[in-house]
Protein backbone atom coordinates (compact mmCIF):
# COMPACT_ATOMS: atom_id res chain seq x y z
CA MET A 1 190.91 -150.00 -47.50
CA ALA A 2 189.70 -146.65 -46.53
CA GLU A 3 187.12 -145.76 -43.72
CA SER A 4 184.15 -143.42 -45.41
CA ALA A 5 184.46 -140.31 -44.57
CA THR A 6 182.29 -138.78 -42.27
CA ARG A 7 180.39 -135.77 -43.08
CA PHE A 8 179.27 -133.15 -40.48
CA VAL A 9 176.76 -130.68 -41.59
CA PRO A 10 175.87 -127.88 -39.50
CA LEU A 11 172.31 -127.25 -38.57
CA ARG A 12 170.68 -123.88 -38.50
CA GLY A 13 169.78 -122.23 -36.20
CA TRP A 14 165.73 -123.20 -35.96
CA GLN A 15 166.59 -126.87 -36.31
CA ARG A 16 169.00 -127.14 -33.11
CA VAL A 17 165.79 -125.92 -31.18
CA VAL A 18 163.63 -128.50 -30.96
CA LEU A 19 161.37 -128.41 -27.76
CA PRO A 20 159.02 -130.70 -26.78
CA LEU A 21 155.07 -129.94 -28.00
CA ARG A 22 154.21 -129.85 -24.31
CA TRP A 23 156.34 -126.71 -24.23
CA TRP A 24 155.12 -125.04 -27.33
CA LYS A 25 152.21 -125.20 -25.89
CA VAL A 26 153.68 -123.32 -22.49
CA LEU A 27 155.04 -120.52 -24.93
CA VAL A 28 151.82 -120.04 -26.37
CA ALA A 29 149.56 -119.74 -23.49
CA VAL A 30 151.75 -117.70 -21.71
CA LEU A 31 152.38 -115.06 -24.75
CA VAL A 32 148.22 -115.81 -25.18
CA VAL A 33 147.67 -114.28 -21.60
CA LEU A 34 150.00 -111.50 -22.01
CA VAL A 35 148.59 -109.95 -24.96
CA ALA A 36 144.81 -110.59 -23.35
CA TYR A 37 146.57 -108.65 -20.54
CA TYR A 38 147.50 -105.83 -22.49
CA ALA A 39 145.00 -105.86 -24.39
CA VAL A 40 142.40 -105.51 -21.00
CA THR A 41 144.51 -102.89 -19.63
CA PHE A 42 145.05 -101.09 -22.99
CA VAL A 43 140.78 -100.86 -23.11
CA GLN A 44 141.15 -99.63 -19.36
CA VAL A 45 143.29 -96.46 -20.68
CA VAL A 46 140.88 -95.40 -22.81
CA THR A 47 137.65 -95.96 -21.06
CA THR A 48 139.10 -94.43 -17.58
CA GLY A 49 139.98 -91.51 -20.25
CA ARG A 50 136.44 -91.48 -21.01
CA GLN A 51 135.62 -90.35 -17.15
CA HIS A 52 134.84 -86.46 -16.97
CA GLY A 53 132.16 -86.21 -14.04
CA ALA A 54 132.96 -87.22 -10.65
CA GLY A 55 130.79 -88.55 -7.33
CA PRO A 56 131.17 -86.34 -3.96
CA ALA A 57 134.31 -86.46 -3.14
CA ASP A 58 136.73 -84.85 -0.42
CA VAL A 59 139.97 -84.05 -1.99
CA ILE A 60 140.61 -82.91 -6.21
CA VAL A 61 143.85 -83.63 -6.85
CA VAL A 62 145.65 -81.72 -10.16
CA MET A 63 148.65 -83.56 -11.59
CA GLY A 64 151.18 -81.27 -12.61
CA ALA A 65 152.14 -80.07 -16.01
CA ALA A 66 154.46 -77.80 -17.75
CA GLN A 67 154.61 -74.17 -16.12
CA TYR A 68 156.61 -70.93 -17.68
CA ASP A 69 157.76 -69.43 -14.93
CA GLY A 70 154.78 -69.34 -12.63
CA ARG A 71 152.30 -69.25 -16.11
CA PRO A 72 150.68 -72.94 -16.23
CA SER A 73 151.00 -74.24 -20.28
CA TRP A 74 147.61 -75.07 -21.88
CA ILE A 75 147.88 -78.17 -20.65
CA PHE A 76 148.24 -77.52 -17.24
CA ALA A 77 145.39 -74.76 -17.58
CA ASN A 78 143.14 -77.35 -19.40
CA ARG A 79 143.42 -79.36 -16.07
CA LEU A 80 143.45 -76.70 -13.43
CA ASP A 81 140.19 -75.42 -15.50
CA HIS A 82 138.44 -78.75 -14.99
CA ALA A 83 139.48 -78.74 -11.39
CA ALA A 84 137.69 -75.83 -10.84
CA ALA A 85 134.45 -76.55 -12.91
CA LEU A 86 134.30 -79.82 -10.78
CA TRP A 87 134.49 -77.72 -7.44
CA SER A 88 132.48 -75.06 -8.63
CA GLU A 89 129.90 -78.36 -9.09
CA GLY A 90 130.27 -78.97 -5.30
CA VAL A 91 132.31 -82.15 -6.06
CA ALA A 92 134.49 -81.70 -3.58
CA PRO A 93 136.02 -78.87 -1.13
CA GLN A 94 139.41 -79.23 -1.42
CA ILE A 95 142.17 -78.95 -4.45
CA VAL A 96 145.31 -80.02 -3.93
CA VAL A 97 147.84 -79.47 -7.06
CA VAL A 98 151.13 -81.56 -7.20
CA GLY A 99 154.17 -81.31 -9.07
CA GLY A 100 157.49 -80.42 -8.35
CA ARG A 101 160.06 -77.52 -10.42
CA ARG A 102 162.74 -78.94 -13.37
CA GLY A 103 166.33 -77.25 -13.03
CA GLY A 104 166.47 -73.33 -13.01
CA ASP A 105 162.71 -72.91 -12.30
CA ARG A 106 161.75 -70.16 -9.92
CA PHE A 107 158.44 -71.85 -9.21
CA SER A 108 157.27 -75.22 -8.87
CA GLU A 109 153.88 -77.13 -10.45
CA GLY A 110 152.35 -77.22 -7.62
CA GLU A 111 152.73 -73.20 -6.98
CA ALA A 112 151.84 -72.00 -10.31
CA GLY A 113 148.60 -74.35 -9.98
CA ARG A 114 147.80 -73.24 -6.73
CA THR A 115 148.09 -69.12 -7.53
CA TYR A 116 146.47 -69.71 -11.13
CA LEU A 117 143.48 -71.17 -9.35
CA ILE A 118 143.50 -68.73 -6.59
CA ALA A 119 143.01 -65.66 -9.54
CA ASN A 120 140.54 -67.56 -11.20
CA GLY A 121 138.20 -67.54 -8.33
CA ILE A 122 138.38 -70.52 -5.99
CA PRO A 123 139.73 -69.35 -2.27
CA ASP A 124 142.94 -69.49 -1.25
CA THR A 125 141.75 -71.96 2.18
CA ALA A 126 140.25 -74.54 -0.40
CA VAL A 127 143.66 -74.87 -2.70
CA VAL A 128 147.07 -76.32 -1.71
CA GLY A 129 149.74 -76.56 -3.66
CA ILE A 130 152.58 -79.50 -3.32
CA GLY A 131 155.72 -78.42 -4.76
CA GLU A 132 157.30 -81.75 -5.24
CA GLY A 133 158.36 -84.92 -7.30
CA ALA A 134 159.14 -84.80 -10.95
CA THR A 135 157.10 -87.63 -12.10
CA THR A 136 153.71 -88.92 -11.22
CA TYR A 137 154.64 -91.45 -8.99
CA GLU A 138 156.94 -88.79 -6.95
CA SER A 139 154.42 -86.13 -7.00
CA LEU A 140 151.57 -88.45 -5.75
CA LYS A 141 153.64 -90.12 -3.19
CA ALA A 142 154.84 -86.45 -1.79
CA ALA A 143 150.93 -85.89 -1.51
CA ALA A 144 149.99 -89.01 0.01
CA PRO A 145 150.07 -88.16 4.09
CA VAL A 146 147.68 -85.49 2.88
CA LEU A 147 145.14 -87.49 0.82
CA THR A 148 145.13 -90.03 3.22
CA SER A 149 145.13 -88.26 6.34
CA ASP A 150 141.69 -89.29 6.73
CA PRO A 151 141.39 -92.82 6.06
CA GLY A 152 137.86 -92.67 4.67
CA ASN A 153 139.14 -89.51 1.87
CA LYS A 154 137.71 -90.01 -1.87
CA VAL A 155 140.38 -88.79 -3.90
CA VAL A 156 139.68 -87.42 -7.58
CA ILE A 157 142.27 -87.18 -10.02
CA VAL A 158 142.34 -84.65 -12.49
CA THR A 159 144.43 -85.11 -15.41
CA ASP A 160 144.35 -85.86 -19.13
CA PRO A 161 142.66 -89.23 -20.38
CA TYR A 162 145.45 -90.68 -21.63
CA HIS A 163 147.47 -90.50 -18.66
CA ALA A 164 144.20 -90.77 -16.05
CA LEU A 165 144.69 -94.84 -15.16
CA ARG A 166 148.22 -94.70 -14.29
CA ALA A 167 147.23 -91.62 -12.26
CA VAL A 168 144.28 -93.64 -10.33
CA ALA A 169 146.62 -97.35 -10.49
CA THR A 170 149.60 -94.97 -9.04
CA ALA A 171 147.42 -93.55 -5.98
CA ARG A 172 145.86 -96.71 -5.51
CA GLN A 173 149.44 -98.30 -4.41
CA LEU A 174 149.99 -95.40 -2.30
CA GLY A 175 147.16 -96.48 -0.23
CA VAL A 176 144.98 -93.33 -1.28
CA ASN A 177 140.96 -94.49 -2.58
CA ALA A 178 141.29 -92.59 -5.64
CA SER A 179 139.22 -92.22 -8.97
CA ALA A 180 139.76 -90.41 -12.14
CA ALA A 181 137.93 -87.15 -13.56
CA ALA A 182 140.07 -86.97 -16.71
CA THR A 183 139.51 -83.90 -18.90
CA PRO A 184 136.76 -83.30 -21.26
CA THR A 185 139.90 -81.94 -24.10
CA THR A 186 143.10 -82.67 -24.66
CA TYR A 187 146.43 -82.06 -26.79
CA LEU A 188 146.57 -85.43 -28.39
CA SER A 189 144.23 -86.59 -31.19
CA GLY A 190 144.22 -89.32 -33.85
CA GLY A 191 146.99 -91.59 -33.99
CA ALA A 192 149.09 -89.53 -31.50
CA GLN A 193 146.81 -90.32 -29.34
CA PHE A 194 146.14 -93.73 -29.92
CA ARG A 195 150.31 -93.98 -30.00
CA ARG A 196 150.40 -92.67 -26.11
CA GLN A 197 147.82 -94.71 -24.98
CA ALA A 198 149.23 -97.88 -26.45
CA ALA A 199 152.58 -96.92 -24.57
CA GLU A 200 150.46 -95.98 -21.20
CA ALA A 201 149.20 -99.39 -21.24
CA GLY A 202 152.43 -101.14 -21.41
CA VAL A 203 153.30 -98.82 -18.82
CA VAL A 204 150.28 -99.25 -16.50
CA ALA A 205 150.65 -103.47 -16.95
CA LEU A 206 154.05 -103.26 -16.09
CA GLY A 207 153.36 -101.03 -12.77
CA ARG A 208 151.03 -102.64 -11.57
CA VAL A 209 153.27 -106.11 -11.17
CA VAL A 210 156.24 -104.64 -10.26
CA GLY A 211 154.89 -101.29 -8.68
CA PHE A 212 154.52 -98.04 -10.06
CA GLY A 213 157.44 -96.91 -8.01
CA ARG A 214 160.16 -98.87 -9.58
CA LEU A 215 158.56 -97.84 -12.98
CA SER A 216 159.08 -93.83 -11.46
CA GLY A 217 162.08 -93.14 -13.78
CA LEU A 218 161.00 -94.13 -16.70
CA SER A 219 157.98 -92.20 -17.18
CA ARG A 220 156.67 -89.24 -16.16
């Protein structure tokens, strides 16, 4: 009598993955924590970008942006103008402009920003240009020795709203006692602004965990 044939039916992928209930609970809990962490960071990106004024400080730092043969772009000039206004209000006695140069540039962002501020009435003795760094982290790292020369220094960072939290968080990782004074206006609005804020939230959330230095090459 012939033996009855045994039929093997291949299981689909979802049928092969059978995890104990406790592991599913762990995975769901981890996912909830990650989503909550990202959501909190996103809210911080938005709220920090709404901080336009500043209390008394020792130094105002302007994050560099594009410049064209020594002439700041609208974005860069907008930051510089806000820093000049804060300086005129007596927020801090010194302005430090940071940012290096791209390939082919004759001037660094730090140099272009310093020249712009002096041309607009800020005394040359009150402005320092630090022309190093191609990213937020690199620029702030180059400026850190100046910003931390006195351990009690309070630093106000001027940049666009979407960028404010990352700049401050990066500075703090470098030992700088920093707060934000974002520009009141920005070139982004609507959906474009939301997408940029969402991307920044991801960078900040990751940078706080692994360090902004490790992310330096991924975002400017």
